[in-house]
Amino acid sequence: MAVVIDTLLGNPPRHPEKAHRADQPSLRKPDWIRVKAPVSPGYVATQRIVRANGLHTVCEEAGCPNIGECWEQKHATFMIMGDTCTRACAFCNVKTGLPGALDPAEPEHVAEATAKLGLSHIVITSVDRDDLADGGAAHFAAVITAIRARCPQTTIEVLTPDFLRKDGAAETVVAARPDVFNHNLETVPSKYLNVRPGARYFASIRLLQHVKELDARMFTKSGIMVGLGEERNEVLQVMDDLRSADVDFLTIGQYLQPTRKHHPVLRFVPPEEFAALATIAYAKGFAMVSASPLTRSSHHAGEDFARLKAARAAAAR
């Protein structure tokens, strides 16, 4: 069946590929998932800086539950290359469609916002841009360069797409020397077909491994969500796969369903299970682990980066 979407009258649907799906069940959130509404003066100040520079944040686009806490402290994760993704992952709230042209002024706008927010650590992520020959790698590099020029003391973490079938993309980003190269696996391999259909699990593992081959001193990081129907032994296998790629930092958080058209939450994992997973991950050799219901890749990223550096320094002694 073909679905025709009229984009001439009004706004097109945010998720056209999900528009005709049946509503999925929605579990009631347990008490440990509750967060405060974002209403603080710090939140408003961060929002004004983001808007003034015409930027997008994954905090807003993905509906992050930690936005109130982070923006109150003037911490924001900038999402470059537009607000429209070429993929249609079943878990993600970012808009799907045909993206527009890259904004050549965006690197300077990101650097300006970084300076105004006074960030000591910045996380830069992006939509997937399968329409670009390099997947947007050169744009990532330009953003890193602009931030280095404007805010030389700021450490930079990139959360990249998988650059699937984009030869040379990893080399371009690594050559720009971010402090942390993050690429999320998102889920266990058995769930990729339904949860992350445009990606390939072992291609993502290989990307992280390749970054270490290009620069053995660069910190690498990856994360998964739980609550999508994965088995515990599958999570442990993901840990082993990431350690085989010499990944330094693992994040594990609870999947939260953005809308009833998205993949349902099949289970809310209690905090004590996250703590147990963190203990196992450290035993497997990760230098840094963040595992809790509200853990997200960029949540407390600056503090976690400081701890990651300290862990490496301690291991070298």
C-alpha atoms as a PDB file:
ATOM      1  CA  MET A   1       0.000   0.000   0.000  1.00  0.00           C
ATOM      2  CA  ALA A   2       1.348   3.434  -0.927  1.00  0.00           C
ATOM      3  CA  VAL A   3       0.867   6.311   1.481  1.00  0.00           C
ATOM      4  CA  VAL A   4       0.566   9.744  -0.159  1.00  0.00           C
ATOM      5  CA  ILE A   5       1.270  12.686   2.109  1.00  0.00           C
ATOM      6  CA  ASP A   6       0.139  16.141   1.045  1.00  0.00           C
ATOM      7  CA  THR A   7       2.847  18.562   2.137  1.00  0.00           C
ATOM      8  CA  LEU A   8       1.293  21.583   0.432  1.00  0.00           C
ATOM      9  CA  LEU A   9      -1.534  22.119   2.904  1.00  0.00           C
ATOM     10  CA  GLY A  10      -0.380  22.731   6.443  1.00  0.00           C
ATOM     11  CA  ASN A  11       2.571  21.016   8.086  1.00  0.00           C
ATOM     12  CA  PRO A  12       3.462  17.437   7.098  1.00  0.00           C
ATOM     13  CA  PRO A  13       3.281  14.850   9.882  1.00  0.00           C
ATOM     14  CA  ARG A  14       6.356  14.644  12.099  1.00  0.00           C
ATOM     15  CA  HIS A  15       6.617  10.902  11.532  1.00  0.00           C
ATOM     16  CA  PRO A  16       4.944  10.143   8.177  1.00  0.00           C
ATOM     17  CA  GLU A  17       6.136   6.532   8.233  1.00  0.00           C
ATOM     18  CA  LYS A  18       4.281   5.989  11.514  1.00  0.00           C
ATOM     19  CA  ALA A  19       1.099   7.914  10.693  1.00  0.00           C
ATOM     20  CA  HIS A  20      -0.956   4.847   9.748  1.00  0.00           C
ATOM     21  CA  ARG A  21       0.367   2.522  12.432  1.00  0.00           C
ATOM     22  CA  ALA A  22      -1.987   1.267  15.090  1.00  0.00           C
ATOM     23  CA  ASP A  23      -1.501   2.880  18.475  1.00  0.00           C
ATOM     24  CA  GLN A  24       0.843   0.891  20.683  1.00  0.00           C
ATOM     25  CA  PRO A  25       0.137   0.185  24.353  1.00  0.00           C
ATOM     26  CA  SER A  26       1.557   2.699  26.800  1.00  0.00           C
ATOM     27  CA  LEU A  27       2.611   1.566  30.265  1.00  0.00           C
ATOM     28  CA  ARG A  28       2.195   3.871  33.246  1.00  0.00           C
ATOM     29  CA  LYS A  29       5.537   5.278  34.345  1.00  0.00           C
ATOM     30  CA  PRO A  30       6.771   4.143  37.769  1.00  0.00           C
ATOM     31  CA  ASP A  31       7.717   6.665  40.437  1.00  0.00           C
ATOM     32  CA  TRP A  32      11.441   6.400  39.677  1.00  0.00           C
ATOM     33  CA  ILE A  33      10.874   7.849  36.180  1.00  0.00           C
ATOM     34  CA  ARG A  34       9.179  11.063  37.345  1.00  0.00           C
ATOM     35  CA  VAL A  35      10.911  14.365  36.546  1.00  0.00           C
ATOM     36  CA  LYS A  36      10.119  18.012  37.262  1.00  0.00           C
ATOM     37  CA  ALA A  37       8.585  20.254  34.609  1.00  0.00           C
ATOM     38  CA  PRO A  38      11.134  22.608  32.965  1.00  0.00           C
ATOM     39  CA  VAL A  39      10.160  26.034  34.300  1.00  0.00           C
ATOM     40  CA  SER A  40      13.292  27.478  35.963  1.00  0.00           C
ATOM     41  CA  PRO A  41      14.918  30.822  35.019  1.00  0.00           C
ATOM     42  CA  GLY A  42      18.022  28.913  33.900  1.00  0.00           C
ATOM     43  CA  TYR A  43      15.909  26.833  31.542  1.00  0.00           C
ATOM     44  CA  VAL A  44      14.398  29.954  29.997  1.00  0.00           C
ATOM     45  CA  ALA A  45      17.833  31.594  29.620  1.00  0.00           C
ATOM     46  CA  THR A  46      19.223  28.517  27.840  1.00  0.00           C
ATOM     47  CA  GLN A  47      16.180  28.379  25.578  1.00  0.00           C
ATOM     48  CA  ARG A  48      16.695  32.035  24.577  1.00  0.00           C
ATOM     49  CA  ILE A  49      20.335  31.442  23.609  1.00  0.00           C
ATOM     50  CA  VAL A  50      19.399  28.372  21.555  1.00  0.00           C
ATOM     51  CA  ARG A  51      16.632  30.290  19.760  1.00  0.00           C
ATOM     52  CA  ALA A  52      18.756  33.393  19.181  1.00  0.00           C
ATOM     53  CA  ASN A  53      21.337  31.307  17.323  1.00  0.00           C
ATOM     54  CA  GLY A  54      18.762  29.388  15.296  1.00  0.00           C
ATOM     55  CA  LEU A  55      19.948  26.043  16.669  1.00  0.00           C
ATOM     56  CA  HIS A  56      18.316  22.688  17.308  1.00  0.00           C
ATOM     57  CA  THR A  57      18.895  20.558  20.382  1.00  0.00           C
ATOM     58  CA  VAL A  58      18.384  16.838  20.815  1.00  0.00           C
ATOM     59  CA  CYS A  59      17.045  17.744  24.260  1.00  0.00           C
ATOM     60  CA  GLU A  60      13.913  19.164  22.606  1.00  0.00           C
ATOM     61  CA  GLU A  61      13.710  17.134  19.410  1.00  0.00           C
ATOM     62  CA  ALA A  62      14.029  13.767  21.146  1.00  0.00           C
ATOM     63  CA  GLY A  63      11.897  14.772  24.141  1.00  0.00           C
ATOM     64  CA  CYS A  64      14.632  14.107  26.700  1.00  0.00           C
ATOM     65  CA  PRO A  65      13.258  13.728  30.246  1.00  0.00           C
ATOM     66  CA  ASN A  66      16.313  15.510  31.686  1.00  0.00           C
ATOM     67  CA  ILE A  67      15.864  18.763  29.767  1.00  0.00           C
ATOM     68  CA  GLY A  68      14.667  20.704  32.824  1.00  0.00           C
ATOM     69  CA  GLU A  69      17.659  19.697  34.942  1.00  0.00           C
ATOM     70  CA  CYS A  70      20.247  20.205  32.189  1.00  0.00           C
ATOM     71  CA  TRP A  71      18.951  23.492  30.827  1.00  0.00           C
ATOM     72  CA  GLU A  72      18.636  24.916  34.331  1.00  0.00           C
ATOM     73  CA  GLN A  73      22.435  24.475  34.513  1.00  0.00           C
ATOM     74  CA  LYS A  74      22.841  25.873  30.958  1.00  0.00           C
ATOM     75  CA  HIS A  75      23.834  22.478  29.569  1.00  0.00           C
ATOM     76  CA  ALA A  76      22.444  21.717  26.118  1.00  0.00           C
ATOM     77  CA  THR A  77      23.277  19.134  23.463  1.00  0.00           C
ATOM     78  CA  PHE A  78      23.266  20.742  20.048  1.00  0.00           C
ATOM     79  CA  MET A  79      21.856  18.782  17.138  1.00  0.00           C
ATOM     80  CA  ILE A  80      23.495  19.896  13.906  1.00  0.00           C
ATOM     81  CA  MET A  81      22.553  19.510  10.228  1.00  0.00           C
ATOM     82  CA  GLY A  82      18.880  20.341  10.739  1.00  0.00           C
ATOM     83  CA  ASP A  83      15.927  18.847  12.575  1.00  0.00           C
ATOM     84  CA  THR A  84      14.932  16.239   9.975  1.00  0.00           C
ATOM     85  CA  CYS A  85      16.406  12.742   9.869  1.00  0.00           C
ATOM     86  CA  THR A  86      16.690  10.409   6.895  1.00  0.00           C
ATOM     87  CA  ARG A  87      16.119   7.359   9.120  1.00  0.00           C
ATOM     88  CA  ALA A  88      12.903   6.253  10.806  1.00  0.00           C
ATOM     89  CA  CYS A  89      13.901   4.454  13.993  1.00  0.00           C
ATOM     90  CA  ALA A  90      10.984   3.047  15.971  1.00  0.00           C
ATOM     91  CA  PHE A  91      12.193   4.581  19.252  1.00  0.00           C
ATOM     92  CA  CYS A  92      13.094   8.094  18.153  1.00  0.00           C
ATOM     93  CA  ASN A  93      11.040  11.288  18.284  1.00  0.00           C
ATOM     94  CA  VAL A  94      13.200  13.276  15.853  1.00  0.00           C
ATOM     95  CA  LYS A  95      11.305  14.285  12.722  1.00  0.00           C
ATOM     96  CA  THR A  96      11.648  12.031   9.663  1.00  0.00           C
ATOM     97  CA  GLY A  97      11.761  13.282   6.075  1.00  0.00           C
ATOM     98  CA  LEU A  98      13.922  14.874   3.400  1.00  0.00           C
ATOM     99  CA  PRO A  99      16.376  17.281   5.089  1.00  0.00           C
ATOM    100  CA  GLY A 100      17.268  20.692   3.742  1.00  0.00           C
ATOM    101  CA  ALA A 101      20.692  21.955   2.703  1.00  0.00           C
ATOM    102  CA  LEU A 102      23.394  22.341   5.323  1.00  0.00           C
ATOM    103  CA  ASP A 103      23.735  25.785   6.879  1.00  0.00           C
ATOM    104  CA  PRO A 104      27.339  26.935   6.328  1.00  0.00           C
ATOM    105  CA  ALA A 105      26.969  29.397   9.212  1.00  0.00           C
ATOM    106  CA  GLU A 106      25.924  26.711  11.689  1.00  0.00           C
ATOM    107  CA  PRO A 107      29.440  25.950  13.005  1.00  0.00           C
ATOM    108  CA  GLU A 108      29.886  29.593  14.021  1.00  0.00           C
ATOM    109  CA  HIS A 109      26.409  29.704  15.564  1.00  0.00           C
ATOM    110  CA  VAL A 110      27.190  26.619  17.660  1.00  0.00           C
ATOM    111  CA  ALA A 111      30.493  28.158  18.770  1.00  0.00           C
ATOM    112  CA  GLU A 112      28.716  31.403  19.678  1.00  0.00           C
ATOM    113  CA  ALA A 113      26.117  29.561  21.764  1.00  0.00           C
ATOM    114  CA  THR A 114      28.846  27.526  23.463  1.00  0.00           C
ATOM    115  CA  ALA A 115      30.589  30.748  24.474  1.00  0.00           C
ATOM    116  CA  LYS A 116      27.385  32.418  25.702  1.00  0.00           C
ATOM    117  CA  LEU A 117      26.421  29.393  27.775  1.00  0.00           C
ATOM    118  CA  GLY A 118      29.934  29.259  29.241  1.00  0.00           C
ATOM    119  CA  LEU A 119      30.223  25.538  28.604  1.00  0.00           C
ATOM    120  CA  SER A 120      33.325  23.717  29.789  1.00  0.00           C
ATOM    121  CA  HIS A 121      32.168  20.560  27.982  1.00  0.00           C
ATOM    122  CA  ILE A 122      29.913  20.477  24.920  1.00  0.00           C
ATOM    123  CA  VAL A 123      28.108  17.570  23.271  1.00  0.00           C
ATOM    124  CA  ILE A 124      27.394  17.789  19.542  1.00  0.00           C
ATOM    125  CA  THR A 125      25.069  15.300  17.882  1.00  0.00           C
ATOM    126  CA  SER A 126      23.172  15.220  14.611  1.00  0.00           C
ATOM    127  CA  VAL A 127      20.366  13.720  12.643  1.00  0.00           C
ATOM    128  CA  ASP A 128      21.290  10.973  10.188  1.00  0.00           C
ATOM    129  CA  ARG A 129      22.134  12.483   6.815  1.00  0.00           C
ATOM    130  CA  ASP A 130      22.216   9.540   4.425  1.00  0.00           C
ATOM    131  CA  ASP A 131      21.581  12.042   1.618  1.00  0.00           C
ATOM    132  CA  LEU A 132      25.095  13.523   1.996  1.00  0.00           C
ATOM    133  CA  ALA A 133      28.126  11.897   0.364  1.00  0.00           C
ATOM    134  CA  ASP A 134      30.064  11.907   3.641  1.00  0.00           C
ATOM    135  CA  GLY A 135      27.083  11.580   5.978  1.00  0.00           C
ATOM    136  CA  GLY A 136      27.865  15.044   7.348  1.00  0.00           C
ATOM    137  CA  ALA A 137      31.360  14.198   8.613  1.00  0.00           C
ATOM    138  CA  ALA A 138      32.909  17.390   7.218  1.00  0.00           C
ATOM    139  CA  HIS A 139      30.200  19.447   8.919  1.00  0.00           C
ATOM    140  CA  PHE A 140      30.980  17.753  12.248  1.00  0.00           C
ATOM    141  CA  ALA A 141      34.640  18.647  11.705  1.00  0.00           C
ATOM    142  CA  ALA A 142      33.753  22.270  10.888  1.00  0.00           C
ATOM    143  CA  VAL A 143      31.712  22.565  14.107  1.00  0.00           C
ATOM    144  CA  ILE A 144      34.574  21.138  16.175  1.00  0.00           C
ATOM    145  CA  THR A 145      37.032  23.560  14.548  1.00  0.00           C
ATOM    146  CA  ALA A 146      34.761  26.560  15.177  1.00  0.00           C
ATOM    147  CA  ILE A 147      34.309  25.674  18.855  1.00  0.00           C
ATOM    148  CA  ARG A 148      38.064  25.177  19.305  1.00  0.00           C
ATOM    149  CA  ALA A 149      38.710  28.636  17.825  1.00  0.00           C
ATOM    150  CA  ARG A 150      36.085  30.402  19.936  1.00  0.00           C
ATOM    151  CA  CYS A 151      36.289  28.346  23.156  1.00  0.00           C
ATOM    152  CA  PRO A 152      39.743  26.709  23.298  1.00  0.00           C
ATOM    153  CA  GLN A 153      39.275  25.466  26.874  1.00  0.00           C
ATOM    154  CA  THR A 154      35.993  23.696  26.129  1.00  0.00           C
ATOM    155  CA  THR A 155      36.201  19.922  25.755  1.00  0.00           C
ATOM    156  CA  ILE A 156      34.159  18.488  22.893  1.00  0.00           C
ATOM    157  CA  GLU A 157      32.154  15.287  22.710  1.00  0.00           C
ATOM    158  CA  VAL A 158      30.556  14.166  19.463  1.00  0.00           C
ATOM    159  CA  LEU A 159      27.634  11.748  19.272  1.00  0.00           C
ATOM    160  CA  THR A 160      27.672  10.688  15.646  1.00  0.00           C
ATOM    161  CA  PRO A 161      25.446   8.661  13.351  1.00  0.00           C
ATOM    162  CA  ASP A 162      26.838   5.381  12.027  1.00  0.00           C
ATOM    163  CA  PHE A 163      28.146   6.850   8.728  1.00  0.00           C
ATOM    164  CA  LEU A 164      26.940   3.631   7.097  1.00  0.00           C
ATOM    165  CA  ARG A 165      28.612   3.159   3.709  1.00  0.00           C
ATOM    166  CA  LYS A 166      30.324   6.571   3.977  1.00  0.00           C
ATOM    167  CA  ASP A 167      33.991   5.767   3.364  1.00  0.00           C
ATOM    168  CA  GLY A 168      36.383   8.166   5.060  1.00  0.00           C
ATOM    169  CA  ALA A 169      33.753   9.750   7.332  1.00  0.00           C
ATOM    170  CA  ALA A 170      35.256   8.466  10.576  1.00  0.00           C
ATOM    171  CA  GLU A 171      38.699   9.656   9.479  1.00  0.00           C
ATOM    172  CA  THR A 172      37.332  13.164   8.874  1.00  0.00           C
ATOM    173  CA  VAL A 173      35.744  13.446  12.316  1.00  0.00           C
ATOM    174  CA  VAL A 174      38.683  11.896  14.193  1.00  0.00           C
ATOM    175  CA  ALA A 175      41.120  14.222  12.405  1.00  0.00           C
ATOM    176  CA  ALA A 176      39.231  17.188  13.928  1.00  0.00           C
ATOM    177  CA  ARG A 177      40.222  15.810  17.365  1.00  0.00           C
ATOM    178  CA  PRO A 178      37.089  15.722  19.494  1.00  0.00           C
ATOM    179  CA  ASP A 179      37.818  14.682  23.062  1.00  0.00           C
ATOM    180  CA  VAL A 180      35.146  11.963  23.049  1.00  0.00           C
ATOM    181  CA  PHE A 181      33.762  10.013  20.083  1.00  0.00           C
ATOM    182  CA  ASN A 182      30.342   8.609  20.969  1.00  0.00           C
ATOM    183  CA  HIS A 183      28.180   6.412  18.792  1.00  0.00           C
ATOM    184  CA  ASN A 184      25.210   4.634  20.347  1.00  0.00           C
ATOM    185  CA  LEU A 185      24.285   1.037  19.569  1.00  0.00           C
ATOM    186  CA  GLU A 186      20.822   1.876  21.009  1.00  0.00           C
ATOM    187  CA  THR A 187      19.686  -1.753  21.467  1.00  0.00           C
ATOM    188  CA  VAL A 188      20.738  -5.387  21.249  1.00  0.00           C
ATOM    189  CA  PRO A 189      21.267  -6.907  17.758  1.00  0.00           C
ATOM    190  CA  SER A 190      18.108  -9.047  17.821  1.00  0.00           C
ATOM    191  CA  LYS A 191      15.986  -5.877  18.028  1.00  0.00           C
ATOM    192  CA  TYR A 192      17.582  -3.978  15.149  1.00  0.00           C
ATOM    193  CA  LEU A 193      15.069  -5.026  12.486  1.00  0.00           C
ATOM    194  CA  ASN A 194      12.156  -3.547  14.434  1.00  0.00           C
ATOM    195  CA  VAL A 195      13.835  -0.839  16.498  1.00  0.00           C
ATOM    196  CA  ARG A 196      16.698   0.491  14.353  1.00  0.00           C
ATOM    197  CA  PRO A 197      15.986  -0.871  10.842  1.00  0.00           C
ATOM    198  CA  GLY A 198      18.205   1.520   8.904  1.00  0.00           C
ATOM    199  CA  ALA A 199      21.333   0.554  10.855  1.00  0.00           C
ATOM    200  CA  ARG A 200      23.559  -2.510  11.112  1.00  0.00           C
ATOM    201  CA  TYR A 201      24.749  -3.630  14.537  1.00  0.00           C
ATOM    202  CA  PHE A 202      28.199  -4.828  13.533  1.00  0.00           C
ATOM    203  CA  ALA A 203      28.760  -1.764  11.339  1.00  0.00           C
ATOM    204  CA  SER A 204      28.278   0.336  14.480  1.00  0.00           C
ATOM    205  CA  ILE A 205      30.685  -1.866  16.440  1.00  0.00           C
ATOM    206  CA  ARG A 206      33.186  -1.568  13.610  1.00  0.00           C
ATOM    207  CA  LEU A 207      32.870   2.242  13.559  1.00  0.00           C
ATOM    208  CA  LEU A 208      33.810   2.425  17.238  1.00  0.00           C
ATOM    209  CA  GLN A 209      36.668  -0.015  16.732  1.00  0.00           C
ATOM    210  CA  HIS A 210      37.934   1.981  13.745  1.00  0.00           C
ATOM    211  CA  VAL A 211      38.016   5.199  15.768  1.00  0.00           C
ATOM    212  CA  LYS A 212      40.404   3.510  18.216  1.00  0.00           C
ATOM    213  CA  GLU A 213      42.533   2.289  15.306  1.00  0.00           C
ATOM    214  CA  LEU A 214      42.769   5.863  14.034  1.00  0.00           C
ATOM    215  CA  ASP A 215      43.564   7.357  17.449  1.00  0.00           C
ATOM    216  CA  ALA A 216      44.167   4.958  20.328  1.00  0.00           C
ATOM    217  CA  ARG A 217      44.099   7.814  22.867  1.00  0.00           C
ATOM    218  CA  MET A 218      40.670   9.129  21.857  1.00  0.00           C
ATOM    219  CA  PHE A 219      37.955   8.287  24.360  1.00  0.00           C
ATOM    220  CA  THR A 220      35.119   6.238  22.858  1.00  0.00           C
ATOM    221  CA  LYS A 221      31.642   5.854  24.235  1.00  0.00           C
ATOM    222  CA  SER A 222      28.427   4.032  23.397  1.00  0.00           C
ATOM    223  CA  GLY A 223      25.031   3.442  24.916  1.00  0.00           C
ATOM    224  CA  ILE A 224      21.936   1.286  24.810  1.00  0.00           C
ATOM    225  CA  MET A 225      18.361   1.525  26.010  1.00  0.00           C
ATOM    226  CA  VAL A 226      16.615  -1.224  27.942  1.00  0.00           C
ATOM    227  CA  GLY A 227      12.920  -1.985  28.170  1.00  0.00           C
ATOM    228  CA  LEU A 228      12.526  -2.856  24.472  1.00  0.00           C
ATOM    229  CA  GLY A 229      12.173  -6.598  25.043  1.00  0.00           C
ATOM    230  CA  GLU A 230      15.844  -7.506  25.220  1.00  0.00           C
ATOM    231  CA  GLU A 231      17.086 -10.405  27.326  1.00  0.00           C
ATOM    232  CA  ARG A 232      19.689  -9.921  30.064  1.00  0.00           C
ATOM    233  CA  ASN A 233      22.206 -12.194  28.354  1.00  0.00           C
ATOM    234  CA  GLU A 234      21.889 -10.046  25.209  1.00  0.00           C
ATOM    235  CA  VAL A 235      22.827  -6.933  27.180  1.00  0.00           C
ATOM    236  CA  LEU A 236      25.876  -8.731  28.560  1.00  0.00           C
ATOM    237  CA  GLN A 237      26.874  -9.760  25.021  1.00  0.00           C
ATOM    238  CA  VAL A 238      26.654  -6.119  23.911  1.00  0.00           C
ATOM    239  CA  MET A 239      29.065  -5.255  26.714  1.00  0.00           C
ATOM    240  CA  ASP A 240      31.496  -7.906  25.439  1.00  0.00           C
ATOM    241  CA  ASP A 241      31.179  -6.657  21.862  1.00  0.00           C
ATOM    242  CA  LEU A 242      31.914  -3.084  22.935  1.00  0.00           C
ATOM    243  CA  ARG A 243      34.900  -4.151  25.008  1.00  0.00           C
ATOM    244  CA  SER A 244      36.220  -6.071  21.991  1.00  0.00           C
ATOM    245  CA  ALA A 245      36.158  -2.700  20.201  1.00  0.00           C
ATOM    246  CA  ASP A 246      38.024  -1.155  23.186  1.00  0.00           C
ATOM    247  CA  VAL A 247      35.171   1.218  24.033  1.00  0.00           C
ATOM    248  CA  ASP A 248      35.886   3.161  27.242  1.00  0.00           C
ATOM    249  CA  PHE A 249      32.494   4.375  28.411  1.00  0.00           C
ATOM    250  CA  LEU A 250      29.101   2.642  28.468  1.00  0.00           C
ATOM    251  CA  THR A 251      25.714   4.253  29.147  1.00  0.00           C
ATOM    252  CA  ILE A 252      22.525   2.289  29.827  1.00  0.00           C
ATOM    253  CA  GLY A 253      19.160   3.994  30.236  1.00  0.00           C
ATOM    254  CA  GLN A 254      15.451   3.212  30.227  1.00  0.00           C
ATOM    255  CA  TYR A 255      13.646   3.475  26.895  1.00  0.00           C
ATOM    256  CA  LEU A 256      10.696   5.876  27.077  1.00  0.00           C
ATOM    257  CA  GLN A 257       8.009   5.807  24.391  1.00  0.00           C
ATOM    258  CA  PRO A 258       7.694   9.267  22.730  1.00  0.00           C
ATOM    259  CA  THR A 259       4.173   8.655  21.335  1.00  0.00           C
ATOM    260  CA  ARG A 260       1.769   5.736  20.985  1.00  0.00           C
ATOM    261  CA  LYS A 261       2.917   5.362  17.371  1.00  0.00           C
ATOM    262  CA  HIS A 262       6.407   4.449  18.573  1.00  0.00           C
ATOM    263  CA  HIS A 263       7.717   1.140  19.839  1.00  0.00           C
ATOM    264  CA  PRO A 264       6.065   0.310  23.160  1.00  0.00           C
ATOM    265  CA  VAL A 265       7.908   0.106  26.456  1.00  0.00           C
ATOM    266  CA  LEU A 266       7.796  -3.591  27.264  1.00  0.00           C
ATOM    267  CA  ARG A 267       9.271  -3.250  30.724  1.00  0.00           C
ATOM    268  CA  PHE A 268      10.362  -0.575  33.182  1.00  0.00           C
ATOM    269  CA  VAL A 269      13.682  -1.771  34.566  1.00  0.00           C
ATOM    270  CA  PRO A 270      14.044  -1.001  38.298  1.00  0.00           C
ATOM    271  CA  PRO A 271      17.021   1.009  39.582  1.00  0.00           C
ATOM    272  CA  GLU A 272      18.616  -1.973  41.325  1.00  0.00           C
ATOM    273  CA  GLU A 273      18.925  -3.822  38.008  1.00  0.00           C
ATOM    274  CA  PHE A 274      20.731  -0.840  36.501  1.00  0.00           C
ATOM    275  CA  ALA A 275      23.129  -0.878  39.442  1.00  0.00           C
ATOM    276  CA  ALA A 276      23.779  -4.582  38.875  1.00  0.00           C
ATOM    277  CA  LEU A 277      24.466  -3.989  35.173  1.00  0.00           C
ATOM    278  CA  ALA A 278      26.915  -1.210  36.054  1.00  0.00           C
ATOM    279  CA  THR A 279      28.803  -3.550  38.397  1.00  0.00           C
ATOM    280  CA  ILE A 280      29.069  -6.172  35.654  1.00  0.00           C
ATOM    281  CA  ALA A 281      30.174  -3.586  33.083  1.00  0.00           C
ATOM    282  CA  TYR A 282      32.992  -2.362  35.322  1.00  0.00           C
ATOM    283  CA  ALA A 283      34.058  -5.967  35.860  1.00  0.00           C
ATOM    284  CA  LYS A 284      34.254  -6.406  32.090  1.00  0.00           C
ATOM    285  CA  GLY A 285      36.749  -3.554  31.862  1.00  0.00           C
ATOM    286  CA  PHE A 286      34.870  -0.355  31.030  1.00  0.00           C
ATOM    287  CA  ALA A 287      36.659   2.679  32.465  1.00  0.00           C
ATOM    288  CA  MET A 288      33.367   4.505  33.006  1.00  0.00           C
ATOM    289  CA  VAL A 289      29.755   3.347  33.280  1.00  0.00           C
ATOM    290  CA  SER A 290      26.554   5.322  33.721  1.00  0.00           C
ATOM    291  CA  ALA A 291      23.497   3.119  34.206  1.00  0.00           C
ATOM    292  CA  SER A 292      20.198   4.335  35.637  1.00  0.00           C
ATOM    293  CA  PRO A 293      16.589   4.776  34.486  1.00  0.00           C
ATOM    294  CA  LEU A 294      17.198   8.387  33.405  1.00  0.00           C
ATOM    295  CA  THR A 295      20.713   7.939  32.017  1.00  0.00           C
ATOM    296  CA  ARG A 296      21.110   9.511  28.574  1.00  0.00           C
ATOM    297  CA  SER A 297      24.257   9.880  26.477  1.00  0.00           C
ATOM    298  CA  SER A 298      24.770  13.542  27.227  1.00  0.00           C
ATOM    299  CA  HIS A 299      23.320  13.656  30.761  1.00  0.00           C
ATOM    300  CA  HIS A 300      26.086  14.848  33.120  1.00  0.00           C
ATOM    301  CA  ALA A 301      28.498  14.443  30.190  1.00  0.00           C
ATOM    302  CA  GLY A 302      30.967  17.017  31.514  1.00  0.00           C
ATOM    303  CA  GLU A 303      31.213  15.480  34.976  1.00  0.00           C
ATOM    304  CA  ASP A 304      31.425  12.005  33.466  1.00  0.00           C
ATOM    305  CA  PHE A 305      34.224  13.083  31.120  1.00  0.00           C
ATOM    306  CA  ALA A 306      36.242  14.367  34.083  1.00  0.00           C
ATOM    307  CA  ARG A 307      35.760  11.019  35.827  1.00  0.00           C
ATOM    308  CA  LEU A 308      36.699   9.165  32.642  1.00  0.00           C
ATOM    309  CA  LYS A 309      39.973  11.077  32.355  1.00  0.00           C
ATOM    310  CA  ALA A 310      40.690  10.440  36.015  1.00  0.00           C
ATOM    311  CA  ALA A 311      40.053   6.714  35.570  1.00  0.00           C
ATOM    312  CA  ARG A 312      42.497   6.526  32.661  1.00  0.00           C
ATOM    313  CA  ALA A 313      45.125   8.460  34.590  1.00  0.00           C
ATOM    314  CA  ALA A 314      44.720   6.160  37.609  1.00  0.00           C
ATOM    315  CA  ALA A 315      45.040   3.057  35.430  1.00  0.00           C
ATOM    316  CA  ALA A 316      48.238   4.422  33.891  1.00  0.00           C
ATOM    317  CA  ARG A 317      49.912   4.904  37.282  1.00  0.00           C
END
